[in-house]
Every structure is written in C-alpha cells, then in structure tokens.
Amino acid sequence: MFSSICSGTIYGLQSHLIQVEVDVSRGLPCLVMVGSLGSEVRESQERVKVALKNSGMDIPPSHISVNLSPADIHKAGTGFDLAIALGILTATESMDAEALSDVFVIGELGLSGEVKGVKGALPLVWEAFRQGKGKCLVPRDNYSEAAVVEGIRVAGVGSVREACDYLKLTEEEQIKMEREQRRQEAEAQKEWKKRNLLQEEKTLDFAEVHGQENLKRGALIAAAGFHHMLIVGPPGAGKTMIAKRIPSILPELSFEESMEVTSIYSIAGRLSKGQNLIKKRPFLNPHHSVTIHALAGGGRIPQPGLISLAHRGVLFLDELPEFQRQTIDLLRQPLEDKEIHIARSTGAFTYPANFMLVGAMNPCPCGYYPDHNRCKCTPFERHMYRSHLSGPILDRMDLCLEAERIEIGQLQKKKTGLSSAEMREKVNCARRMQERRYKGTNIKFNSDLTMKDCEKYCCLGKQEQNYTEQLSEKMQLSARGYHHLLKVARTIADLEGSEEIRLPHLAEAMSYRNMESER
C-alpha cells in the first residue's frame, strides 16, 4: 500500500516542503530510501525501525520503499524520522491515511520512540502555513517556536505513540488538546520571563558611564541610524563599556524582524530552551581568533555564521587590529550589500547580514600613543598596527570616534549623563521620523540608503552643497565616504527633529571621519 506525508527540510536558509512517500509491498524484507539524501537522513531507517519496535508497533516483514520528493533538493538533518514512521504505519494500514492528509510533520526519533527536537522548526512551520497546510505535528521541544506562527494548528508530541494517539482523535478532541497545550505554553512563557527578569534588570546602562560624552553622542547617532562605528583610544578609556551598552538604546525589533532573527537562530540551533520569539536585537562579541568560516558561515551546506547571527543587531569586534587581516576584509561585501554570498560544490547560498558593526582598537600596539611619556612604539610599528584596517573597511565606517583617557576626578563625581532610557527615547523619536519618511519602502534605517536613495532623501541646499564639496575635497573622501557622510548627517538631523540637513549637521558628521585624514 502507498502513503504520502508532508514534511520539510532547510537548505541554507530556505525552507522546502518535502513529500515523504512510502510504499509497502511483498518481497525481500528491507527498507530502501531514495531522494538525494544526506547521511543523517539515510541513518533514519535504523532509528525508525527500532523506535517503532520499542513503541510496540512492529513492522510486518515486507519490502518498504521510501522516497523524499522532489528528488532534486538535497535533504539533510533528522527531521524526517517521525514522518517516515507515520508513513510506514499508514502504508501498513495501522493508521488511517485520511488523518494525515492535511498535516505537516517534523521530528527526530530516539530508539525508545521518543520524539526529539530539530533545527529550523519555526521557518518550516511558517512555510507550511504559507503553502496552505492546516495542521502541524512537531516535537514538544519545538512547540514554543512553532506556536508563534498564527493561522495553523500546532500540536507538540513527545513520542511516536503520542503522535498516533493524537491523530486518532476526532477533530473536536484534537482542537481541545491543542488549546490545552497553548494554555500550558502561555504559563511556561510567563515562568520563562520571570526567570529571565533578574537578568533583564541587570541590563548595562549608559548612566554608569562617567565622562566620554563624545562617545555617548556617537553611540546615540549610531543607534538612531544603525550606523557602523569605530572607537579608538587607550586601554581603560571605556571603549568596550560604551559598545556593550549600545543594545540598551537600540529600538525594539518589529514582529517581521523578530521572525527573521528567530528563524536564523532556529536553523542554527541557537534558541534557548523555552524561548519562542527573539525580541531583543542580537549582540555578538567574538574573540579575535575567530575563523573566517565561523564568521561567514561554514560547512558543506553552510550554517549561518556570526555575521548572520548578528542580523538586525550588533557585531562588536574588540581589539580590531588583532583579528586576521583577511578576516576583517571578509566584512567588506556584507557591510555594503547587507547579505553574504557563499558558494559551495552543493550550491550557492545567500544569508542575511544586515548588522551594525562596532569596532574598538588602541591607537598603537602598546595603546598609549600620542602620550610620548608612556608610548615607546616607533612610527613604523604604529603604521603596521593600523594597516590591519584596510582603506575599504575604514571607508565603510560611518563614525570614527576617539576615546580620551579618563581622569580619576571624573570617576569620583556622582553626576551622571543621560541614561539608556533617555537615550533610547531620543533614538525612538528619530526612528519614528525614519518610519514616516520611508513608509512603503524596504528602508528600515538611514544606513540602508543606497546612493540613489541619498539623492532623494538627503537633499542639500546650495550653501550645504558648497560646504560639503569643499570639505570632501580637502579630506579626499571617496564617493562611498561622501554618501556615508550624508547618511550620518541625515540621522543627526532626525535626532534634532529637522526635516532638512543643515550646516551644523554636516559639520558634526564630518568630524566623525577624521580617521581618514590621519591615514
């Protein structure tokens, strides 16, 4: 007898629905699987047979053929196990085929019959919803993320036996069970939030930063426009302190952005237990020994790298010149295109990489230049140290800020500057201006503006044009540097509530590109 069940696979970051076709016939007892299968999928035949046996569902001796269609899509992972098991039970008439006619099924099987969680449950369920599936059967461990998708019925199961019992229920009984699971999930989410409340209360605050008002101003501008930022200064000046507090002033993720980020983390297997939807912008701080593959994404079928995991968030590279030169230069294309392209023998993959890059570095190897009383570095050593940052990378930095040494007297003062809450309110006001301006477009922040967009949204008066032309020629700005200057000036104007870009906005934006003249 023949049966067909809908399941799915992730290829790169793309979700594909796959039909698990099972045929049971007379012949030499065996289980044959075809359909462009990865090693994990091929191994499922042993997991499925033993799991069914240990669940009290012995398969009668017969020739079982399993085809995962379409065959031209490579299948990887362990998410087909449950669908194959249910397909065999249906084909051997142990279950009613009608019960699985409109159901999407994913899940890995343990030898005991337990259904284990899989990677990529959220994007797969979302794709099933988009293609009109009515019900979804997922592992209980994946229920939190799968239940985020509205418009499709979701049931979480912990074993093959539970899956069979659910499918044998009437429609009304299934709906009652699903409602109970949603109620339990809502309670579990409340408990999860309580457990994480203490951590949220300890969020780093800009009110704790003494002095460095220029850095706080730069962080405010960077957060308002989602601009890339480089901080240069001696050890202990507060570079890392500033960078780690940037997430506290970034605007919250929209629902669409949350779905994007959560899908990436789901595919990478990075969602923490009990977490259903990521609502805070990511902040990643890799060590300078990070490899190219870890940063860009690697593997025969590449998994998302750090720059994709930082999508819609912050990628902080501390001690930037300590990273390998080729690792830093890898960022050139993603910074410009907001995505990364990876080619492998198995195909070409495109991953999102729209992140804010924040870099921190010392002015020289010892860190104390230009204090000649403490700095012993030669001009050649300083040149070689800074040469780790290529011109193209520096050209893509919207703001280059200098962190000055903090005097002890400033640390002893109780007076503090703006708090993160106050700065975030300023950022949100600027963000609302950008939302109104770019309504109906794909532009989220000023940093997303292309050169053509700058002509439309960053118009300058005659006086501003003359000023910009003179300074650009004096500082020898590239065309890219000029457009980055306009985008920063646009953000500064937004922070001031101005629809027009004025001379003070351009002058401040120009002051953040001093590093180019120093090179």
Foldseek 3Di string as FASTA:
>chain_A
DKAWFWEWAQFFLDIDIKIKIKAWAADQFDEEEAQQEDPLCVVLVVLLQLLCVLVVRHQPRTYMYIYIPPRVDHHDWQFCNLVNNVRSCVNVVVAPRVLRPQEYGTFHGGSNQFTDATFQLQVNLVVSVVVPRAEYEGAPQQCQQSVVDPPHQYDHDTGSVRVRVLSPDDPVVNVVRSVVVVVVLVVLLVVVCVVCVVVVVPQQKQQLDFDPVVLVVVLLLCQLFVAAEEEEAFPPLCQVVSLSNSQLQHDKDDPVRQSQLVSLCRNVVNDDGSDHTDTGQDEAEDALVDDLCQACFDDLSTRHHPLLNNQVHEYEYEQVLSHALVSLVQCLVCLVPQWDWDQHPSGIHIGGRSHHYYYYHAQFPNRDPPPVVPDPDDPVRSVVSVVSQPPSSLLRHQFYYYRYHDDPVSSPDPDGDDISVVSSVLSVQLQVVVCVVQPPHPDRGLSPDDPVNCVVQQDADPVQVVVLVVVCVVLVRDPSSSSSLSSSLCSVCSSVVHSHRDPVSSVVSSVRSVVSSVD
